[in-house]
Structure formats: C-alpha cells, structure tokens
ModelCIF file with pLDDT and N, C-alpha, C, O atoms, coordinates in Angstrom:
data_MODEL
#
_entry.id   MODEL 
#
_entity.id                         1 
_entity.type                       polymer 
_entity.pdbx_number_of_molecules   1 
#
_entity_poly.entity_id                      1 
_entity_poly.type                           'polypeptide(L)' 
_entity_poly.nstd_linkage                   no 
_entity_poly.nstd_monomer                   no 
_entity_poly.pdbx_seq_one_letter_code       
;(UNK)(UNK)(UNK)(UNK)(UNK)(UNK)(UNK)(UNK)(UNK)(UNK)(UNK)(UNK)(UNK)(UNK)(UNK)(UNK)
(UNK)(UNK)(UNK)(UNK)(UNK)(UNK)(UNK)(UNK)(UNK)(UNK)(UNK)(UNK)(UNK)(UNK)(UNK)(UNK)
(UNK)(UNK)(UNK)(UNK)(UNK)(UNK)(UNK)(UNK)(UNK)(UNK)(UNK)(UNK)(UNK)
;
_entity_poly.pdbx_seq_one_letter_code_can   XXXXXXXXXXXXXXXXXXXXXXXXXXXXXXXXXXXXXXXXXXXXX 
_entity_poly.pdbx_strand_id                 A 
#
loop_
_entity_poly_seq.entity_id 
_entity_poly_seq.num 
_entity_poly_seq.mon_id 
_entity_poly_seq.hetero 
1 1  UNK n 
1 2  UNK n 
1 3  UNK n 
1 4  UNK n 
1 5  UNK n 
1 6  UNK n 
1 7  UNK n 
1 8  UNK n 
1 9  UNK n 
1 10 UNK n 
1 11 UNK n 
1 12 UNK n 
1 13 UNK n 
1 14 UNK n 
1 15 UNK n 
1 16 UNK n 
1 17 UNK n 
1 18 UNK n 
1 19 UNK n 
1 20 UNK n 
1 21 UNK n 
1 22 UNK n 
1 23 UNK n 
1 24 UNK n 
1 25 UNK n 
1 26 UNK n 
1 27 UNK n 
1 28 UNK n 
1 29 UNK n 
1 30 UNK n 
1 31 UNK n 
1 32 UNK n 
1 33 UNK n 
1 34 UNK n 
1 35 UNK n 
1 36 UNK n 
1 37 UNK n 
1 38 UNK n 
1 39 UNK n 
1 40 UNK n 
1 41 UNK n 
1 42 UNK n 
1 43 UNK n 
1 44 UNK n 
1 45 UNK n 
#
_struct_asym.id          A 
_struct_asym.entity_id   1 
#
loop_
_ma_qa_metric.id 
_ma_qa_metric.mode 
_ma_qa_metric.name 
_ma_qa_metric.software_group_id 
_ma_qa_metric.type 
1 global pLDDT . pLDDT 
2 local  pLDDT . pLDDT 
#
_ma_qa_metric_global.metric_id      1 
_ma_qa_metric_global.metric_value   92.02 
_ma_qa_metric_global.model_id       1 
_ma_qa_metric_global.ordinal_id     1 
#
loop_
_ma_qa_metric_local.label_asym_id 
_ma_qa_metric_local.label_comp_id 
_ma_qa_metric_local.label_seq_id 
_ma_qa_metric_local.metric_id 
_ma_qa_metric_local.metric_value 
_ma_qa_metric_local.model_id 
_ma_qa_metric_local.ordinal_id 
A UNK 1  2 93.00 1 1  
A UNK 2  2 92.00 1 2  
A UNK 3  2 92.00 1 3  
A UNK 4  2 92.00 1 4  
A UNK 5  2 91.00 1 5  
A UNK 6  2 89.00 1 6  
A UNK 7  2 86.00 1 7  
A UNK 8  2 80.00 1 8  
A UNK 9  2 76.00 1 9  
A UNK 10 2 81.00 1 10 
A UNK 11 2 91.00 1 11 
A UNK 12 2 93.00 1 12 
A UNK 13 2 92.00 1 13 
A UNK 14 2 93.00 1 14 
A UNK 15 2 91.00 1 15 
A UNK 16 2 91.00 1 16 
A UNK 17 2 92.00 1 17 
A UNK 18 2 94.00 1 18 
A UNK 19 2 94.00 1 19 
A UNK 20 2 94.00 1 20 
A UNK 21 2 94.00 1 21 
A UNK 22 2 95.00 1 22 
A UNK 23 2 94.00 1 23 
A UNK 24 2 95.00 1 24 
A UNK 25 2 95.00 1 25 
A UNK 26 2 94.00 1 26 
A UNK 27 2 95.00 1 27 
A UNK 28 2 93.00 1 28 
A UNK 29 2 93.00 1 29 
A UNK 30 2 94.00 1 30 
A UNK 31 2 95.00 1 31 
A UNK 32 2 94.00 1 32 
A UNK 33 2 92.00 1 33 
A UNK 34 2 94.00 1 34 
A UNK 35 2 94.00 1 35 
A UNK 36 2 93.00 1 36 
A UNK 37 2 95.00 1 37 
A UNK 38 2 94.00 1 38 
A UNK 39 2 94.00 1 39 
A UNK 40 2 95.00 1 40 
A UNK 41 2 94.00 1 41 
A UNK 42 2 92.00 1 42 
A UNK 43 2 93.00 1 43 
A UNK 44 2 92.00 1 44 
A UNK 45 2 91.00 1 45 
#
loop_
_atom_site.group_PDB 
_atom_site.id 
_atom_site.type_symbol 
_atom_site.label_atom_id 
_atom_site.label_alt_id 
_atom_site.label_comp_id 
_atom_site.label_asym_id 
_atom_site.label_entity_id 
_atom_site.label_seq_id 
_atom_site.pdbx_PDB_ins_code 
_atom_site.Cartn_x 
_atom_site.Cartn_y 
_atom_site.Cartn_z 
_atom_site.occupancy 
_atom_site.B_iso_or_equiv 
_atom_site.pdbx_formal_charge 
_atom_site.auth_seq_id 
_atom_site.auth_comp_id 
_atom_site.auth_asym_id 
_atom_site.auth_atom_id 
_atom_site.pdbx_PDB_model_num 
ATOM 1   N N  . UNK A 1 1  ? -79.378 221.849 -135.657 1.00 93.00 ? 1  UNK A N  1 
ATOM 2   C CA . UNK A 1 1  ? -78.389 222.943 -135.810 1.00 93.00 ? 1  UNK A CA 1 
ATOM 3   C C  . UNK A 1 1  ? -78.749 223.777 -137.049 1.00 93.00 ? 1  UNK A C  1 
ATOM 4   O O  . UNK A 1 1  ? -78.673 225.005 -137.025 1.00 93.00 ? 1  UNK A O  1 
ATOM 5   N N  . UNK A 1 2  ? -79.144 223.084 -138.141 1.00 92.00 ? 2  UNK A N  1 
ATOM 6   C CA . UNK A 1 2  ? -79.513 223.818 -139.391 1.00 92.00 ? 2  UNK A CA 1 
ATOM 7   C C  . UNK A 1 2  ? -80.865 224.528 -139.196 1.00 92.00 ? 2  UNK A C  1 
ATOM 8   O O  . UNK A 1 2  ? -81.052 225.637 -139.697 1.00 92.00 ? 2  UNK A O  1 
ATOM 9   N N  . UNK A 1 3  ? -81.807 223.902 -138.474 1.00 92.00 ? 3  UNK A N  1 
ATOM 10  C CA . UNK A 1 3  ? -83.119 224.531 -138.285 1.00 92.00 ? 3  UNK A CA 1 
ATOM 11  C C  . UNK A 1 3  ? -83.063 225.856 -137.571 1.00 92.00 ? 3  UNK A C  1 
ATOM 12  O O  . UNK A 1 3  ? -83.889 226.744 -137.779 1.00 92.00 ? 3  UNK A O  1 
ATOM 13  N N  . UNK A 1 4  ? -82.055 225.960 -136.719 1.00 92.00 ? 4  UNK A N  1 
ATOM 14  C CA . UNK A 1 4  ? -81.933 227.174 -135.868 1.00 92.00 ? 4  UNK A CA 1 
ATOM 15  C C  . UNK A 1 4  ? -80.821 228.090 -136.291 1.00 92.00 ? 4  UNK A C  1 
ATOM 16  O O  . UNK A 1 4  ? -80.334 228.888 -135.491 1.00 92.00 ? 4  UNK A O  1 
ATOM 17  N N  . UNK A 1 5  ? -80.405 227.988 -137.551 1.00 91.00 ? 5  UNK A N  1 
ATOM 18  C CA . UNK A 1 5  ? -79.335 228.855 -138.039 1.00 91.00 ? 5  UNK A CA 1 
ATOM 19  C C  . UNK A 1 5  ? -79.850 230.256 -138.191 1.00 91.00 ? 5  UNK A C  1 
ATOM 20  O O  . UNK A 1 5  ? -81.060 230.456 -138.297 1.00 91.00 ? 5  UNK A O  1 
ATOM 21  N N  . UNK A 1 6  ? -78.959 231.250 -138.204 1.00 89.00 ? 6  UNK A N  1 
ATOM 22  C CA . UNK A 1 6  ? -79.306 232.634 -138.334 1.00 89.00 ? 6  UNK A CA 1 
ATOM 23  C C  . UNK A 1 6  ? -78.681 233.231 -139.569 1.00 89.00 ? 6  UNK A C  1 
ATOM 24  O O  . UNK A 1 6  ? -77.555 232.887 -139.931 1.00 89.00 ? 6  UNK A O  1 
ATOM 25  N N  . UNK A 1 7  ? -79.391 234.110 -140.211 1.00 86.00 ? 7  UNK A N  1 
ATOM 26  C CA . UNK A 1 7  ? -78.858 234.804 -141.384 1.00 86.00 ? 7  UNK A CA 1 
ATOM 27  C C  . UNK A 1 7  ? -77.985 235.981 -140.890 1.00 86.00 ? 7  UNK A C  1 
ATOM 28  O O  . UNK A 1 7  ? -78.350 236.734 -139.987 1.00 86.00 ? 7  UNK A O  1 
ATOM 29  N N  . UNK A 1 8  ? -76.794 236.090 -141.549 1.00 80.00 ? 8  UNK A N  1 
ATOM 30  C CA . UNK A 1 8  ? -75.838 237.186 -141.238 1.00 80.00 ? 8  UNK A CA 1 
ATOM 31  C C  . UNK A 1 8  ? -75.254 237.690 -142.524 1.00 80.00 ? 8  UNK A C  1 
ATOM 32  O O  . UNK A 1 8  ? -74.312 237.124 -143.076 1.00 80.00 ? 8  UNK A O  1 
ATOM 33  N N  . UNK A 1 9  ? -75.823 238.745 -142.976 1.00 76.00 ? 9  UNK A N  1 
ATOM 34  C CA . UNK A 1 9  ? -75.411 239.318 -144.335 1.00 76.00 ? 9  UNK A CA 1 
ATOM 35  C C  . UNK A 1 9  ? -75.585 238.259 -145.416 1.00 76.00 ? 9  UNK A C  1 
ATOM 36  O O  . UNK A 1 9  ? -76.700 237.801 -145.664 1.00 76.00 ? 9  UNK A O  1 
ATOM 37  N N  . UNK A 1 10 ? -74.474 237.865 -146.068 1.00 81.00 ? 10 UNK A N  1 
ATOM 38  C CA . UNK A 1 10 ? -74.510 236.839 -147.103 1.00 81.00 ? 10 UNK A CA 1 
ATOM 39  C C  . UNK A 1 10 ? -74.248 235.450 -146.569 1.00 81.00 ? 10 UNK A C  1 
ATOM 40  O O  . UNK A 1 10 ? -74.044 234.512 -147.340 1.00 81.00 ? 10 UNK A O  1 
ATOM 41  N N  . UNK A 1 11 ? -74.251 235.309 -145.256 1.00 91.00 ? 11 UNK A N  1 
ATOM 42  C CA . UNK A 1 11 ? -73.861 234.086 -144.602 1.00 91.00 ? 11 UNK A CA 1 
ATOM 43  C C  . UNK A 1 11 ? -75.048 233.477 -143.812 1.00 91.00 ? 11 UNK A C  1 
ATOM 44  O O  . UNK A 1 11 ? -76.016 234.162 -143.479 1.00 91.00 ? 11 UNK A O  1 
ATOM 45  N N  . UNK A 1 12 ? -74.931 232.175 -143.533 1.00 93.00 ? 12 UNK A N  1 
ATOM 46  C CA . UNK A 1 12 ? -75.886 231.510 -142.639 1.00 93.00 ? 12 UNK A CA 1 
ATOM 47  C C  . UNK A 1 12 ? -75.047 230.945 -141.491 1.00 93.00 ? 12 UNK A C  1 
ATOM 48  O O  . UNK A 1 12 ? -74.170 230.104 -141.685 1.00 93.00 ? 12 UNK A O  1 
ATOM 49  N N  . UNK A 1 13 ? -75.345 231.429 -140.316 1.00 92.00 ? 13 UNK A N  1 
ATOM 50  C CA . UNK A 1 13 ? -74.559 231.082 -139.100 1.00 92.00 ? 13 UNK A CA 1 
ATOM 51  C C  . UNK A 1 13 ? -75.218 229.910 -138.370 1.00 92.00 ? 13 UNK A C  1 
ATOM 52  O O  . UNK A 1 13 ? -76.359 230.024 -137.921 1.00 92.00 ? 13 UNK A O  1 
ATOM 53  N N  . UNK A 1 14 ? -74.519 228.803 -138.252 1.00 93.00 ? 14 UNK A N  1 
ATOM 54  C CA . UNK A 1 14 ? -75.058 227.657 -137.533 1.00 93.00 ? 14 UNK A CA 1 
ATOM 55  C C  . UNK A 1 14 ? -75.145 227.967 -136.062 1.00 93.00 ? 14 UNK A C  1 
ATOM 56  O O  . UNK A 1 14 ? -74.278 228.628 -135.491 1.00 93.00 ? 14 UNK A O  1 
ATOM 57  N N  . UNK A 1 15 ? -76.245 227.460 -135.439 1.00 91.00 ? 15 UNK A N  1 
ATOM 58  C CA . UNK A 1 15 ? -76.487 227.747 -134.027 1.00 91.00 ? 15 UNK A CA 1 
ATOM 59  C C  . UNK A 1 15 ? -75.404 227.146 -133.148 1.00 91.00 ? 15 UNK A C  1 
ATOM 60  O O  . UNK A 1 15 ? -75.199 225.933 -133.136 1.00 91.00 ? 15 UNK A O  1 
ATOM 61  N N  . UNK A 1 16 ? -74.711 228.015 -132.408 1.00 91.00 ? 16 UNK A N  1 
ATOM 62  C CA . UNK A 1 16 ? -73.518 227.586 -131.639 1.00 91.00 ? 16 UNK A CA 1 
ATOM 63  C C  . UNK A 1 16 ? -73.898 226.513 -130.575 1.00 91.00 ? 16 UNK A C  1 
ATOM 64  O O  . UNK A 1 16 ? -73.225 225.488 -130.465 1.00 91.00 ? 16 UNK A O  1 
ATOM 65  N N  . UNK A 1 17 ? -74.982 226.760 -129.794 1.00 92.00 ? 17 UNK A N  1 
ATOM 66  C CA . UNK A 1 17 ? -75.316 225.778 -128.778 1.00 92.00 ? 17 UNK A CA 1 
ATOM 67  C C  . UNK A 1 17 ? -75.676 224.415 -129.402 1.00 92.00 ? 17 UNK A C  1 
ATOM 68  O O  . UNK A 1 17 ? -75.248 223.361 -128.932 1.00 92.00 ? 17 UNK A O  1 
ATOM 69  N N  . UNK A 1 18 ? -76.462 224.478 -130.455 1.00 94.00 ? 18 UNK A N  1 
ATOM 70  C CA . UNK A 1 18 ? -76.832 223.189 -131.108 1.00 94.00 ? 18 UNK A CA 1 
ATOM 71  C C  . UNK A 1 18 ? -75.624 222.495 -131.755 1.00 94.00 ? 18 UNK A C  1 
ATOM 72  O O  . UNK A 1 18 ? -75.498 221.271 -131.719 1.00 94.00 ? 18 UNK A O  1 
ATOM 73  N N  . UNK A 1 19 ? -74.751 223.304 -132.342 1.00 94.00 ? 19 UNK A N  1 
ATOM 74  C CA . UNK A 1 19 ? -73.597 222.728 -132.990 1.00 94.00 ? 19 UNK A CA 1 
ATOM 75  C C  . UNK A 1 19 ? -72.666 222.064 -131.967 1.00 94.00 ? 19 UNK A C  1 
ATOM 76  O O  . UNK A 1 19 ? -71.998 221.079 -132.281 1.00 94.00 ? 19 UNK A O  1 
ATOM 77  N N  . UNK A 1 20 ? -72.624 222.610 -130.740 1.00 94.00 ? 20 UNK A N  1 
ATOM 78  C CA . UNK A 1 20 ? -71.794 221.997 -129.731 1.00 94.00 ? 20 UNK A CA 1 
ATOM 79  C C  . UNK A 1 20 ? -72.321 220.618 -129.307 1.00 94.00 ? 20 UNK A C  1 
ATOM 80  O O  . UNK A 1 20 ? -71.558 219.803 -128.786 1.00 94.00 ? 20 UNK A O  1 
ATOM 81  N N  . UNK A 1 21 ? -73.575 220.357 -129.518 1.00 94.00 ? 21 UNK A N  1 
ATOM 82  C CA . UNK A 1 21 ? -74.145 219.037 -129.242 1.00 94.00 ? 21 UNK A CA 1 
ATOM 83  C C  . UNK A 1 21 ? -74.012 217.972 -130.335 1.00 94.00 ? 21 UNK A C  1 
ATOM 84  O O  . UNK A 1 21 ? -74.337 216.800 -130.143 1.00 94.00 ? 21 UNK A O  1 
ATOM 85  N N  . UNK A 1 22 ? -73.501 218.453 -131.535 1.00 95.00 ? 22 UNK A N  1 
ATOM 86  C CA . UNK A 1 22 ? -73.408 217.500 -132.631 1.00 95.00 ? 22 UNK A CA 1 
ATOM 87  C C  . UNK A 1 22 ? -72.219 216.570 -132.369 1.00 95.00 ? 22 UNK A C  1 
ATOM 88  O O  . UNK A 1 22 ? -71.130 217.050 -132.055 1.00 95.00 ? 22 UNK A O  1 
ATOM 89  N N  . UNK A 1 23 ? -72.403 215.238 -132.493 1.00 94.00 ? 23 UNK A N  1 
ATOM 90  C CA . UNK A 1 23 ? -71.280 214.305 -132.280 1.00 94.00 ? 23 UNK A CA 1 
ATOM 91  C C  . UNK A 1 23 ? -70.102 214.603 -133.177 1.00 94.00 ? 23 UNK A C  1 
ATOM 92  O O  . UNK A 1 23 ? -70.281 214.897 -134.359 1.00 94.00 ? 23 UNK A O  1 
ATOM 93  N N  . UNK A 1 24 ? -68.914 214.533 -132.642 1.00 95.00 ? 24 UNK A N  1 
ATOM 94  C CA . UNK A 1 24 ? -67.704 214.958 -133.352 1.00 95.00 ? 24 UNK A CA 1 
ATOM 95  C C  . UNK A 1 24 ? -66.983 213.704 -133.903 1.00 95.00 ? 24 UNK A C  1 
ATOM 96  O O  . UNK A 1 24 ? -66.065 213.160 -133.289 1.00 95.00 ? 24 UNK A O  1 
ATOM 97  N N  . UNK A 1 25 ? -67.446 213.285 -135.084 1.00 95.00 ? 25 UNK A N  1 
ATOM 98  C CA . UNK A 1 25 ? -66.840 212.059 -135.749 1.00 95.00 ? 25 UNK A CA 1 
ATOM 99  C C  . UNK A 1 25 ? -66.502 212.374 -137.155 1.00 95.00 ? 25 UNK A C  1 
ATOM 100 O O  . UNK A 1 25 ? -67.071 213.274 -137.773 1.00 95.00 ? 25 UNK A O  1 
ATOM 101 N N  . UNK A 1 26 ? -65.534 211.598 -137.677 1.00 94.00 ? 26 UNK A N  1 
ATOM 102 C CA . UNK A 1 26 ? -65.235 211.671 -139.076 1.00 94.00 ? 26 UNK A CA 1 
ATOM 103 C C  . UNK A 1 26 ? -66.281 210.936 -139.854 1.00 94.00 ? 26 UNK A C  1 
ATOM 104 O O  . UNK A 1 26 ? -66.902 210.002 -139.347 1.00 94.00 ? 26 UNK A O  1 
ATOM 105 N N  . UNK A 1 27 ? -66.488 211.359 -141.120 1.00 95.00 ? 27 UNK A N  1 
ATOM 106 C CA . UNK A 1 27 ? -67.481 210.717 -141.967 1.00 95.00 ? 27 UNK A CA 1 
ATOM 107 C C  . UNK A 1 27 ? -67.115 209.231 -142.270 1.00 95.00 ? 27 UNK A C  1 
ATOM 108 O O  . UNK A 1 27 ? -67.984 208.362 -142.351 1.00 95.00 ? 27 UNK A O  1 
ATOM 109 N N  . UNK A 1 28 ? -65.823 208.992 -142.427 1.00 93.00 ? 28 UNK A N  1 
ATOM 110 C CA . UNK A 1 28 ? -65.370 207.632 -142.671 1.00 93.00 ? 28 UNK A CA 1 
ATOM 111 C C  . UNK A 1 28 ? -65.754 206.691 -141.498 1.00 93.00 ? 28 UNK A C  1 
ATOM 112 O O  . UNK A 1 28 ? -66.316 205.620 -141.724 1.00 93.00 ? 28 UNK A O  1 
ATOM 113 N N  . UNK A 1 29 ? -65.457 207.085 -140.294 1.00 93.00 ? 29 UNK A N  1 
ATOM 114 C CA . UNK A 1 29 ? -65.696 206.224 -139.112 1.00 93.00 ? 29 UNK A CA 1 
ATOM 115 C C  . UNK A 1 29 ? -67.178 206.147 -138.783 1.00 93.00 ? 29 UNK A C  1 
ATOM 116 O O  . UNK A 1 29 ? -67.675 205.071 -138.452 1.00 93.00 ? 29 UNK A O  1 
ATOM 117 N N  . UNK A 1 30 ? -67.901 207.268 -138.865 1.00 94.00 ? 30 UNK A N  1 
ATOM 118 C CA . UNK A 1 30 ? -69.320 207.281 -138.466 1.00 94.00 ? 30 UNK A CA 1 
ATOM 119 C C  . UNK A 1 30 ? -70.210 206.590 -139.520 1.00 94.00 ? 30 UNK A C  1 
ATOM 120 O O  . UNK A 1 30 ? -71.135 205.864 -139.154 1.00 94.00 ? 30 UNK A O  1 
ATOM 121 N N  . UNK A 1 31 ? -69.954 206.797 -140.770 1.00 95.00 ? 31 UNK A N  1 
ATOM 122 C CA . UNK A 1 31 ? -70.861 206.299 -141.821 1.00 95.00 ? 31 UNK A CA 1 
ATOM 123 C C  . UNK A 1 31 ? -70.259 205.287 -142.717 1.00 95.00 ? 31 UNK A C  1 
ATOM 124 O O  . UNK A 1 31 ? -70.792 204.185 -142.845 1.00 95.00 ? 31 UNK A O  1 
ATOM 125 N N  . UNK A 1 32 ? -69.117 205.623 -143.376 1.00 94.00 ? 32 UNK A N  1 
ATOM 126 C CA . UNK A 1 32 ? -68.566 204.789 -144.442 1.00 94.00 ? 32 UNK A CA 1 
ATOM 127 C C  . UNK A 1 32 ? -68.158 203.398 -143.916 1.00 94.00 ? 32 UNK A C  1 
ATOM 128 O O  . UNK A 1 32 ? -68.259 202.419 -144.656 1.00 94.00 ? 32 UNK A O  1 
ATOM 129 N N  . UNK A 1 33 ? -67.708 203.292 -142.675 1.00 92.00 ? 33 UNK A N  1 
ATOM 130 C CA . UNK A 1 33 ? -67.333 202.001 -142.150 1.00 92.00 ? 33 UNK A CA 1 
ATOM 131 C C  . UNK A 1 33 ? -68.559 201.202 -141.669 1.00 92.00 ? 33 UNK A C  1 
ATOM 132 O O  . UNK A 1 33 ? -68.424 200.048 -141.260 1.00 92.00 ? 33 UNK A O  1 
ATOM 133 N N  . UNK A 1 34 ? -69.679 201.778 -141.715 1.00 94.00 ? 34 UNK A N  1 
ATOM 134 C CA . UNK A 1 34 ? -70.877 201.086 -141.215 1.00 94.00 ? 34 UNK A CA 1 
ATOM 135 C C  . UNK A 1 34 ? -71.985 200.965 -142.254 1.00 94.00 ? 34 UNK A C  1 
ATOM 136 O O  . UNK A 1 34 ? -73.077 200.512 -141.910 1.00 94.00 ? 34 UNK A O  1 
ATOM 137 N N  . UNK A 1 35 ? -71.756 201.346 -143.501 1.00 94.00 ? 35 UNK A N  1 
ATOM 138 C CA . UNK A 1 35 ? -72.734 201.250 -144.525 1.00 94.00 ? 35 UNK A CA 1 
ATOM 139 C C  . UNK A 1 35 ? -72.409 200.123 -145.523 1.00 94.00 ? 35 UNK A C  1 
ATOM 140 O O  . UNK A 1 35 ? -71.241 199.796 -145.733 1.00 94.00 ? 35 UNK A O  1 
ATOM 141 N N  . UNK A 1 36 ? -73.415 199.553 -146.116 1.00 93.00 ? 36 UNK A N  1 
ATOM 142 C CA . UNK A 1 36 ? -73.214 198.538 -147.173 1.00 93.00 ? 36 UNK A CA 1 
ATOM 143 C C  . UNK A 1 36 ? -73.331 199.186 -148.570 1.00 93.00 ? 36 UNK A C  1 
ATOM 144 O O  . UNK A 1 36 ? -73.282 198.506 -149.596 1.00 93.00 ? 36 UNK A O  1 
ATOM 145 N N  . UNK A 1 37 ? -73.487 200.518 -148.571 1.00 95.00 ? 37 UNK A N  1 
ATOM 146 C CA . UNK A 1 37 ? -73.658 201.253 -149.854 1.00 95.00 ? 37 UNK A CA 1 
ATOM 147 C C  . UNK A 1 37 ? -72.307 201.864 -150.343 1.00 95.00 ? 37 UNK A C  1 
ATOM 148 O O  . UNK A 1 37 ? -72.268 202.555 -151.361 1.00 95.00 ? 37 UNK A O  1 
ATOM 149 N N  . UNK A 1 38 ? -71.242 201.603 -149.621 1.00 94.00 ? 38 UNK A N  1 
ATOM 150 C CA . UNK A 1 38 ? -69.979 202.224 -149.975 1.00 94.00 ? 38 UNK A CA 1 
ATOM 151 C C  . UNK A 1 38 ? -69.397 201.685 -151.301 1.00 94.00 ? 38 UNK A C  1 
ATOM 152 O O  . UNK A 1 38 ? -69.311 200.474 -151.505 1.00 94.00 ? 38 UNK A O  1 
ATOM 153 N N  . UNK A 1 39 ? -69.017 202.575 -152.159 1.00 94.00 ? 39 UNK A N  1 
ATOM 154 C CA . UNK A 1 39 ? -68.441 202.210 -153.509 1.00 94.00 ? 39 UNK A CA 1 
ATOM 155 C C  . UNK A 1 39 ? -67.236 203.093 -153.727 1.00 94.00 ? 39 UNK A C  1 
ATOM 156 O O  . UNK A 1 39 ? -67.276 204.286 -153.427 1.00 94.00 ? 39 UNK A O  1 
ATOM 157 N N  . UNK A 1 40 ? -66.181 202.530 -154.239 1.00 95.00 ? 40 UNK A N  1 
ATOM 158 C CA . UNK A 1 40 ? -64.982 203.274 -154.548 1.00 95.00 ? 40 UNK A CA 1 
ATOM 159 C C  . UNK A 1 40 ? -64.652 203.255 -156.022 1.00 95.00 ? 40 UNK A C  1 
ATOM 160 O O  . UNK A 1 40 ? -64.650 202.183 -156.627 1.00 95.00 ? 40 UNK A O  1 
ATOM 161 N N  . UNK A 1 41 ? -64.377 204.379 -156.616 1.00 94.00 ? 41 UNK A N  1 
ATOM 162 C CA . UNK A 1 41 ? -63.917 204.512 -157.996 1.00 94.00 ? 41 UNK A CA 1 
ATOM 163 C C  . UNK A 1 41 ? -62.470 204.912 -157.939 1.00 94.00 ? 41 UNK A C  1 
ATOM 164 O O  . UNK A 1 41 ? -62.115 205.834 -157.203 1.00 94.00 ? 41 UNK A O  1 
ATOM 165 N N  . UNK A 1 42 ? -61.583 204.217 -158.728 1.00 92.00 ? 42 UNK A N  1 
ATOM 166 C CA . UNK A 1 42 ? -60.154 204.632 -158.759 1.00 92.00 ? 42 UNK A CA 1 
ATOM 167 C C  . UNK A 1 42 ? -59.991 205.986 -159.432 1.00 92.00 ? 42 UNK A C  1 
ATOM 168 O O  . UNK A 1 42 ? -60.549 206.206 -160.507 1.00 92.00 ? 42 UNK A O  1 
ATOM 169 N N  . UNK A 1 43 ? -59.271 206.858 -158.851 1.00 93.00 ? 43 UNK A N  1 
ATOM 170 C CA . UNK A 1 43 ? -59.060 208.222 -159.338 1.00 93.00 ? 43 UNK A CA 1 
ATOM 171 C C  . UNK A 1 43 ? -57.546 208.370 -159.674 1.00 93.00 ? 43 UNK A C  1 
ATOM 172 O O  . UNK A 1 43 ? -56.676 208.265 -158.809 1.00 93.00 ? 43 UNK A O  1 
ATOM 173 N N  . UNK A 1 44 ? -57.294 208.620 -160.971 1.00 92.00 ? 44 UNK A N  1 
ATOM 174 C CA . UNK A 1 44 ? -55.886 208.802 -161.400 1.00 92.00 ? 44 UNK A CA 1 
ATOM 175 C C  . UNK A 1 44 ? -55.845 210.157 -162.109 1.00 92.00 ? 44 UNK A C  1 
ATOM 176 O O  . UNK A 1 44 ? -55.974 210.225 -163.332 1.00 92.00 ? 44 UNK A O  1 
ATOM 177 N N  . UNK A 1 45 ? -55.671 211.201 -161.364 1.00 91.00 ? 45 UNK A N  1 
ATOM 178 C CA . UNK A 1 45 ? -55.824 212.559 -161.883 1.00 91.00 ? 45 UNK A CA 1 
ATOM 179 C C  . UNK A 1 45 ? -54.779 213.507 -161.280 1.00 91.00 ? 45 UNK A C  1 
ATOM 180 O O  . UNK A 1 45 ? -54.761 214.694 -161.606 1.00 91.00 ? 45 UNK A O  1 
#
C-alpha cells in the first residue's frame, strides 16, 4: 500500500485498491496480544 502511494500536493495518498486488501484489525488484537515484547508503563497525567 505504501509502495504504491501517490503524491497529491502536500499529501501522500495511499493506494485505494491495495489499502482495501489490508487486513482490518486493531493493533491490540493483531500484535499486542500475540507478542512477548509488550511492556506497560503506568501513566498518571
């Protein structure tokens, strides 16, 4: 999708056909729940 992006003025337009084929998952479910590298820092802000 990124390889076939097109420049449009000050923007980069992702390729629509390629983007349609990208799996539609949340980052938590696709990666964070399946990695052993996950680390959490408490945020109190």
